[in-house]
Amino acid sequence: MKPVTGDVELSRDELKVLTALTSSPSLSEAARRTGFSRKYVRDVARRLNELGILVFFPDLPKIGLSLIFILSEGEMFSFVKKIPHFFLHLKSRGSGFLYVALADKRSLPEFSRKAFSGGGKFYTLGEVRGWNTAFIDFLAERDGLGETFTVNEVASIFIEYLLERFDGRDSLKRFLASLKVRDRQGGAGSDVYYVDMDEYDVTILDSKLADAFVSISSIAKRHGLYRQVLHYHYVNHVLPIWKYNIVMWKGVGKRFEPRLLIYDGEDVDVVEEFYRTMYPTVFTARPINQRDSLVVLTYLPPDREEALGKLSKRFSLRFAKRFEEELILSYYASRPFSRIYTESGWRSIYEDYLEATGM
């Protein structure tokens, strides 16, 4: 699978499918909403998924997991390679490292206290968000887009609209907040608070993470499972924790070289929506209990961030970039959910830490 490294061209019909897919629990529902055939919707979904724009992402808190980032100067945390929770390691162009893990919420507090008291920056991330299609949907209703257009053209039109339409910081933030609400309302998540996973559910999660639109029949055949049993688990266990089809980065292989940026300040909400509008290959997340912090992982080249400077100057926005580093993939582990699943529940990241360090 190739990550997006250049611009992506869409037609108006593909844009309609994209926005429908981010708020629909199934291809059939997206077809009903758009009026297109299910085959056309599936073909568009497949193309967008292969480009890395559209991915399946579960609501991690509902299955008892948290996403964590660890930043270090040098490879100071050698134990992470011995802990199955860590599935993504990236090396910076300098001397730093970034480690990404799925951690069980039960033992995460103890793990964070004991493992990182001596160095490194530790982030427990809250909501994970991808491309905000509410913005794109909003623009599609206006003049300025042709029958086909690139993602960058959409982003540029939106930035120009903001610069021309609003004359103050407060009015800009109110508009962005209204679109954020619209974006959240489009999600297909349920009200289920917590779902216990089993081996069937975990198999589906890993399969969907690798290929958002792989069929249940294909998963069953690949793993030698009964399709009817797998379908039952998909409908009753996986769909309730389906956050939505997130439009965000999806990179595997050695070509995956994003940049990591960390911002803080009271206007980081504007920064977040800037990135989520400017380019689909973006992943933004908020550290828990750090309202004024933002973590961004993106392919967006530095020169495209000039528009952020224009917005900041025009509206007197208050934020600062605290960290920026270009990263190179050094280790990627497939099937991250299966790596930490046991019949009694998720593996304890703290117990695995103790075993890995001989403590």
Protein backbone atom coordinates (compact mmCIF):
# COMPACT_ATOMS: atom_id res chain seq x y z
CA MET A 1 0.00 0.00 0.00
CA LYS A 2 1.35 3.42 -0.98
CA PRO A 3 1.02 6.42 1.31
CA VAL A 4 -0.05 9.69 -0.28
CA THR A 5 3.05 11.72 -1.14
CA GLY A 6 1.60 14.09 -3.76
CA ASP A 7 -1.71 15.67 -4.57
CA VAL A 8 -4.91 13.69 -5.02
CA GLU A 9 -7.51 14.46 -7.68
CA LEU A 10 -11.19 13.93 -6.94
CA SER A 11 -14.38 14.40 -8.90
CA ARG A 12 -17.49 15.93 -7.36
CA ASP A 13 -19.10 12.48 -7.24
CA GLU A 14 -16.05 11.03 -5.48
CA LEU A 15 -16.19 13.89 -2.99
CA LYS A 16 -19.83 13.03 -2.22
CA VAL A 17 -18.87 9.39 -1.68
CA LEU A 18 -15.94 10.38 0.55
CA THR A 19 -18.06 12.52 2.85
CA ALA A 20 -20.78 9.85 3.00
CA LEU A 21 -18.28 7.13 3.87
CA THR A 22 -17.01 9.04 6.89
CA SER A 23 -20.46 8.97 8.47
CA SER A 24 -21.90 5.67 7.22
CA PRO A 25 -21.48 2.30 8.92
CA SER A 26 -21.68 0.44 5.60
CA LEU A 27 -21.17 0.78 1.86
CA SER A 28 -24.89 0.17 1.37
CA GLU A 29 -25.78 3.09 3.63
CA ALA A 30 -23.32 5.36 1.82
CA ALA A 31 -24.85 4.31 -1.51
CA ARG A 32 -28.33 5.12 -0.19
CA ARG A 33 -27.25 8.56 1.01
CA THR A 34 -25.53 9.51 -2.25
CA GLY A 35 -27.90 7.80 -4.72
CA PHE A 36 -25.01 5.99 -6.37
CA SER A 37 -24.79 2.24 -6.92
CA ARG A 38 -23.14 0.15 -4.23
CA LYS A 39 -20.55 -0.98 -6.79
CA TYR A 40 -19.56 2.61 -7.59
CA VAL A 41 -19.32 3.48 -3.89
CA ARG A 42 -17.18 0.40 -3.27
CA ASP A 43 -14.86 1.23 -6.21
CA VAL A 44 -14.36 4.79 -4.93
CA ALA A 45 -13.84 3.53 -1.37
CA ARG A 46 -11.26 1.04 -2.58
CA ARG A 47 -9.32 3.72 -4.45
CA LEU A 48 -9.37 6.13 -1.51
CA ASN A 49 -8.32 3.36 0.86
CA GLU A 50 -5.42 2.34 -1.39
CA LEU A 51 -4.29 5.97 -1.56
CA GLY A 52 -4.25 6.04 2.22
CA ILE A 53 -6.97 8.66 2.53
CA LEU A 54 -9.75 6.55 4.02
CA VAL A 55 -9.14 4.11 6.87
CA PHE A 56 -11.14 2.15 9.44
CA PHE A 57 -10.48 3.23 13.01
CA PRO A 58 -12.13 1.88 16.17
CA ASP A 59 -13.07 3.97 19.19
CA LEU A 60 -10.20 2.85 21.43
CA PRO A 61 -11.61 3.89 24.84
CA LYS A 62 -14.67 1.70 24.22
CA ILE A 63 -12.44 -1.38 24.09
CA GLY A 64 -10.24 -0.38 27.04
CA LEU A 65 -7.22 0.93 25.12
CA SER A 66 -5.30 4.20 24.89
CA LEU A 67 -2.93 5.42 22.22
CA ILE A 68 0.41 6.66 23.57
CA PHE A 69 3.34 8.53 22.01
CA ILE A 70 6.82 8.61 23.51
CA LEU A 71 9.47 11.09 22.36
CA SER A 72 13.08 10.55 23.35
CA GLU A 73 16.50 11.96 22.56
CA GLY A 74 18.36 8.98 21.24
CA GLU A 75 17.23 5.37 21.55
CA MET A 76 17.02 5.50 25.33
CA PHE A 77 14.03 3.18 25.69
CA SER A 78 15.46 -0.08 24.36
CA PHE A 79 12.82 -2.08 26.23
CA VAL A 80 10.02 -0.96 23.90
CA LYS A 81 11.08 -3.46 21.23
CA LYS A 82 10.43 -6.23 23.73
CA ILE A 83 6.87 -5.08 24.50
CA PRO A 84 4.19 -6.09 21.98
CA HIS A 85 2.09 -2.99 22.66
CA PHE A 86 4.61 -0.88 20.71
CA PHE A 87 3.84 -1.31 17.02
CA LEU A 88 5.38 1.77 15.39
CA HIS A 89 8.89 3.13 15.88
CA LEU A 90 10.12 6.16 13.96
CA LYS A 91 13.59 7.72 13.91
CA SER A 92 14.01 11.44 13.45
CA ARG A 93 16.42 13.03 10.99
CA GLY A 94 18.31 14.11 14.08
CA SER A 95 18.94 11.84 17.04
CA GLY A 96 15.43 11.44 18.46
CA PHE A 97 12.90 8.63 18.36
CA LEU A 98 9.12 8.39 18.40
CA TYR A 99 7.39 5.27 19.72
CA VAL A 100 3.67 4.58 19.27
CA ALA A 101 1.77 1.99 21.32
CA LEU A 102 -1.69 0.68 22.10
CA ALA A 103 -1.81 0.39 25.87
CA ASP A 104 -4.42 -1.13 28.16
CA LYS A 105 -6.03 1.62 30.23
CA ARG A 106 -5.96 -0.46 33.42
CA SER A 107 -2.17 -0.62 33.85
CA LEU A 108 -1.21 2.48 31.84
CA PRO A 109 -0.96 4.87 34.86
CA GLU A 110 1.50 2.61 36.70
CA PHE A 111 3.49 2.00 33.51
CA SER A 112 3.83 5.73 32.78
CA ARG A 113 4.93 6.52 36.35
CA LYS A 114 7.59 3.82 36.52
CA ALA A 115 8.93 3.71 32.97
CA PHE A 116 9.42 7.40 32.16
CA SER A 117 10.46 9.06 35.38
CA GLY A 118 14.03 9.32 34.10
CA GLY A 119 13.54 10.99 30.73
CA GLY A 120 11.61 11.26 27.52
CA LYS A 121 8.28 12.95 26.81
CA PHE A 122 5.19 10.85 27.33
CA TYR A 123 1.82 11.61 25.70
CA THR A 124 -1.41 9.78 26.42
CA LEU A 125 -3.54 10.85 23.49
CA GLY A 126 -7.25 11.51 23.65
CA GLU A 127 -9.47 11.79 20.61
CA VAL A 128 -7.86 10.83 17.32
CA ARG A 129 -9.18 12.80 14.38
CA GLY A 130 -8.60 12.74 10.64
CA TRP A 131 -9.54 14.97 7.71
CA ASN A 132 -12.59 17.12 8.48
CA THR A 133 -14.93 16.35 5.59
CA ALA A 134 -17.52 18.77 7.00
CA PHE A 135 -15.29 21.54 5.67
CA ILE A 136 -15.04 19.87 2.29
CA ASP A 137 -18.76 19.22 2.20
CA PHE A 138 -19.31 22.88 3.04
CA LEU A 139 -17.09 23.99 0.15
CA ALA A 140 -18.73 21.60 -2.31
CA GLU A 141 -21.94 23.58 -1.90
CA ARG A 142 -20.19 26.75 -3.07
CA ASP A 143 -18.76 28.05 -6.32
CA GLY A 144 -15.08 27.69 -7.03
CA LEU A 145 -14.74 23.94 -7.50
CA GLY A 146 -14.69 22.48 -11.01
CA GLU A 147 -15.88 19.03 -12.01
CA THR A 148 -12.50 17.66 -10.95
CA PHE A 149 -10.11 19.19 -8.48
CA THR A 150 -7.14 18.32 -6.34
CA VAL A 151 -7.07 18.11 -2.59
CA ASN A 152 -4.67 21.04 -2.46
CA GLU A 153 -7.06 23.16 -4.55
CA VAL A 154 -9.85 22.43 -2.10
CA ALA A 155 -7.65 23.45 0.82
CA SER A 156 -6.49 26.65 -0.89
CA ILE A 157 -10.07 27.68 -1.69
CA PHE A 158 -11.06 27.13 1.92
CA ILE A 159 -8.17 29.22 3.30
CA GLU A 160 -9.01 32.06 0.92
CA TYR A 161 -12.63 31.84 2.03
CA LEU A 162 -11.62 32.23 5.68
CA LEU A 163 -9.39 35.19 4.91
CA GLU A 164 -12.10 36.95 2.91
CA ARG A 165 -15.15 36.07 4.99
CA PHE A 166 -14.10 36.79 8.59
CA ASP A 167 -12.77 39.97 10.14
CA GLY A 168 -12.01 38.85 13.68
CA ARG A 169 -10.67 36.04 15.83
CA ASP A 170 -13.98 35.38 17.59
CA SER A 171 -16.07 35.11 14.42
CA LEU A 172 -13.50 32.77 12.85
CA LYS A 173 -13.47 30.49 15.89
CA ARG A 174 -17.28 30.39 16.04
CA PHE A 175 -17.41 29.30 12.42
CA LEU A 176 -14.77 26.62 12.93
CA ALA A 177 -16.58 25.39 16.05
CA SER A 178 -19.86 25.08 14.12
CA LEU A 179 -18.18 22.95 11.45
CA LYS A 180 -16.49 20.85 14.14
CA VAL A 181 -19.91 20.08 15.61
CA ARG A 182 -21.17 19.17 12.14
CA ASP A 183 -18.18 16.90 11.64
CA ARG A 184 -18.75 15.10 14.96
CA GLN A 185 -22.44 14.64 14.23
CA GLY A 186 -21.51 12.86 11.02
CA GLY A 187 -19.67 10.11 12.91
CA ALA A 188 -21.23 6.66 12.94
CA GLY A 189 -20.23 5.80 16.51
CA SER A 190 -22.70 4.32 18.96
CA ASP A 191 -23.50 5.05 22.60
CA VAL A 192 -21.98 1.77 23.77
CA TYR A 193 -19.56 2.59 26.59
CA TYR A 194 -17.43 -0.56 26.69
CA VAL A 195 -17.21 -3.74 24.63
CA ASP A 196 -15.25 -6.85 25.62
CA MET A 197 -13.19 -8.15 22.70
CA ASP A 198 -12.59 -11.79 21.79
CA GLU A 199 -10.39 -13.47 19.16
CA TYR A 200 -12.98 -13.00 16.41
CA ASP A 201 -13.37 -9.29 17.11
CA VAL A 202 -9.61 -8.76 17.24
CA THR A 203 -9.16 -10.54 13.91
CA ILE A 204 -11.74 -8.22 12.34
CA LEU A 205 -10.10 -5.11 13.85
CA ASP A 206 -6.68 -5.98 12.48
CA SER A 207 -8.10 -6.88 9.07
CA LYS A 208 -10.10 -3.65 8.84
CA LEU A 209 -7.10 -1.58 9.91
CA ALA A 210 -5.08 -3.08 7.05
CA ASP A 211 -7.91 -2.86 4.49
CA ALA A 212 -10.90 -0.76 5.52
CA PHE A 213 -13.26 -2.44 3.02
CA VAL A 214 -12.21 -6.05 3.13
CA SER A 215 -15.31 -8.26 3.27
CA ILE A 216 -16.19 -10.47 6.22
CA SER A 217 -16.21 -13.44 3.81
CA SER A 218 -12.61 -12.67 2.80
CA ILE A 219 -11.51 -12.37 6.42
CA ALA A 220 -13.19 -15.68 7.29
CA LYS A 221 -11.55 -17.46 4.34
CA ARG A 222 -8.12 -16.02 5.08
CA HIS A 223 -8.20 -17.11 8.74
CA GLY A 224 -10.13 -20.37 8.35
CA LEU A 225 -13.15 -19.14 10.33
CA TYR A 226 -16.89 -19.60 9.84
CA ARG A 227 -18.33 -16.63 7.96
CA GLN A 228 -21.62 -16.69 9.89
CA VAL A 229 -19.82 -16.55 13.24
CA LEU A 230 -17.55 -13.75 12.07
CA HIS A 231 -20.51 -11.80 10.69
CA TYR A 232 -22.29 -12.05 14.05
CA HIS A 233 -19.24 -10.62 15.83
CA TYR A 234 -18.88 -7.87 13.25
CA VAL A 235 -22.48 -6.70 13.62
CA ASN A 236 -22.77 -7.08 17.39
CA HIS A 237 -19.26 -6.27 18.65
CA VAL A 238 -17.25 -4.37 16.03
CA LEU A 239 -19.86 -2.01 14.58
CA PRO A 240 -20.76 -0.65 18.05
CA ILE A 241 -17.17 0.53 18.50
CA TRP A 242 -16.74 1.69 14.89
CA LYS A 243 -15.70 5.29 15.40
CA TYR A 244 -16.14 6.13 11.71
CA ASN A 245 -14.15 5.82 8.52
CA ILE A 246 -11.44 8.35 9.26
CA VAL A 247 -9.80 10.33 6.49
CA MET A 248 -6.20 10.48 7.67
CA TRP A 249 -2.67 9.32 7.02
CA LYS A 250 -2.10 5.64 6.37
CA GLY A 251 1.50 4.75 5.67
CA VAL A 252 3.33 1.45 5.72
CA GLY A 253 6.71 0.58 4.29
CA LYS A 254 9.92 2.56 3.98
CA ARG A 255 8.34 5.45 2.09
CA PHE A 256 6.48 6.54 5.20
CA GLU A 257 8.31 9.74 6.18
CA PRO A 258 5.94 12.17 7.90
CA ARG A 259 6.71 15.11 10.14
CA LEU A 260 5.71 15.27 13.77
CA LEU A 261 4.66 18.65 15.16
CA ILE A 262 3.53 19.65 18.64
CA TYR A 263 1.74 22.94 19.29
CA ASP A 264 0.43 24.61 22.41
CA GLY A 265 -1.56 27.73 23.19
CA GLU A 266 -5.21 28.63 23.57
CA ASP A 267 -5.86 28.71 19.80
CA VAL A 268 -4.55 25.25 18.93
CA ASP A 269 -8.13 24.35 17.94
CA VAL A 270 -7.66 26.58 14.88
CA VAL A 271 -4.31 24.91 14.17
CA GLU A 272 -5.99 21.49 14.35
CA GLU A 273 -8.71 22.45 11.89
CA PHE A 274 -6.12 24.04 9.60
CA TYR A 275 -4.26 20.75 9.28
CA ARG A 276 -7.44 18.75 8.95
CA THR A 277 -8.56 20.98 6.09
CA MET A 278 -5.30 21.50 4.26
CA TYR A 279 -4.44 17.87 3.49
CA PRO A 280 -5.95 14.41 3.93
CA THR A 281 -2.73 12.73 5.03
CA VAL A 282 -2.92 14.13 8.53
CA PHE A 283 -3.42 12.68 11.98
CA THR A 284 -4.22 15.00 14.88
CA ALA A 285 -4.72 14.06 18.52
CA ARG A 286 -5.08 15.82 21.86
CA PRO A 287 -3.20 14.71 24.98
CA ILE A 288 -5.63 13.83 27.77
CA ASN A 289 -6.02 16.64 30.33
CA GLN A 290 -3.91 19.01 28.20
CA ARG A 291 -6.58 21.13 26.56
CA ASP A 292 -4.13 23.58 25.01
CA SER A 293 -1.84 20.98 23.41
CA LEU A 294 -1.98 19.37 19.98
CA VAL A 295 0.02 16.56 18.34
CA VAL A 296 0.11 16.48 14.52
CA LEU A 297 1.55 13.79 12.27
CA THR A 298 1.44 14.91 8.64
CA TYR A 299 2.95 14.70 5.15
CA LEU A 300 2.14 18.36 4.53
CA PRO A 301 5.37 20.01 3.31
CA PRO A 302 6.64 23.04 5.28
CA ASP A 303 5.93 25.52 2.47
CA ARG A 304 2.21 24.71 2.62
CA GLU A 305 2.13 25.99 6.19
CA GLU A 306 2.47 29.55 4.94
CA ALA A 307 -1.32 29.76 5.01
CA LEU A 308 -1.26 29.03 8.75
CA GLY A 309 1.01 32.04 9.19
CA LYS A 310 -1.44 34.19 7.23
CA LEU A 311 -4.32 33.07 9.43
CA SER A 312 -2.29 33.67 12.58
CA LYS A 313 -1.30 37.19 11.56
CA ARG A 314 -4.72 38.15 10.24
CA PHE A 315 -6.69 36.96 13.28
CA SER A 316 -4.05 37.48 16.01
CA LEU A 317 -4.13 33.80 16.96
CA ARG A 318 -2.32 32.68 20.10
CA PHE A 319 -0.34 29.46 19.65
CA ALA A 320 3.26 28.31 19.29
CA LYS A 321 5.00 25.39 17.63
CA ARG A 322 6.99 23.64 20.35
CA PHE A 323 8.38 20.70 18.43
CA GLU A 324 9.01 19.74 14.80
CA GLU A 325 10.86 16.72 13.47
CA GLU A 326 10.98 14.81 10.20
CA LEU A 327 10.65 11.08 10.84
CA ILE A 328 11.75 7.90 9.11
CA LEU A 329 10.01 4.60 9.72
CA SER A 330 12.37 2.26 11.57
CA TYR A 331 9.96 -0.46 12.69
CA TYR A 332 6.35 -1.36 11.90
CA ALA A 333 4.45 -4.31 13.35
CA SER A 334 1.32 -5.59 11.63
CA ARG A 335 -1.81 -6.85 13.42
CA PRO A 336 -1.36 -4.54 16.45
CA PHE A 337 -4.55 -5.70 18.20
CA SER A 338 -3.70 -9.39 17.95
CA ARG A 339 -0.25 -8.72 19.39
CA ILE A 340 -1.72 -7.66 22.73
CA TYR A 341 -4.81 -9.89 22.93
CA THR A 342 -5.17 -12.81 25.35
CA GLU A 343 -8.23 -14.88 26.23
CA SER A 344 -8.45 -13.02 29.54
CA GLY A 345 -8.32 -9.59 27.90
CA TRP A 346 -5.65 -7.13 26.80
CA ARG A 347 -2.10 -7.79 27.93
CA SER A 348 -0.87 -5.56 30.73
CA ILE A 349 1.67 -3.07 29.39
CA TYR A 350 3.04 -2.63 32.90
CA GLU A 351 3.57 -6.36 33.45
CA ASP A 352 5.21 -6.66 30.03
CA TYR A 353 7.44 -3.72 30.97
CA LEU A 354 8.52 -5.45 34.19
CA GLU A 355 9.30 -8.65 32.29
CA ALA A 356 11.18 -6.82 29.51
CA THR A 357 13.39 -4.92 31.98
CA GLY A 358 13.85 -7.82 34.43
CA MET A 359 12.38 -5.84 37.32
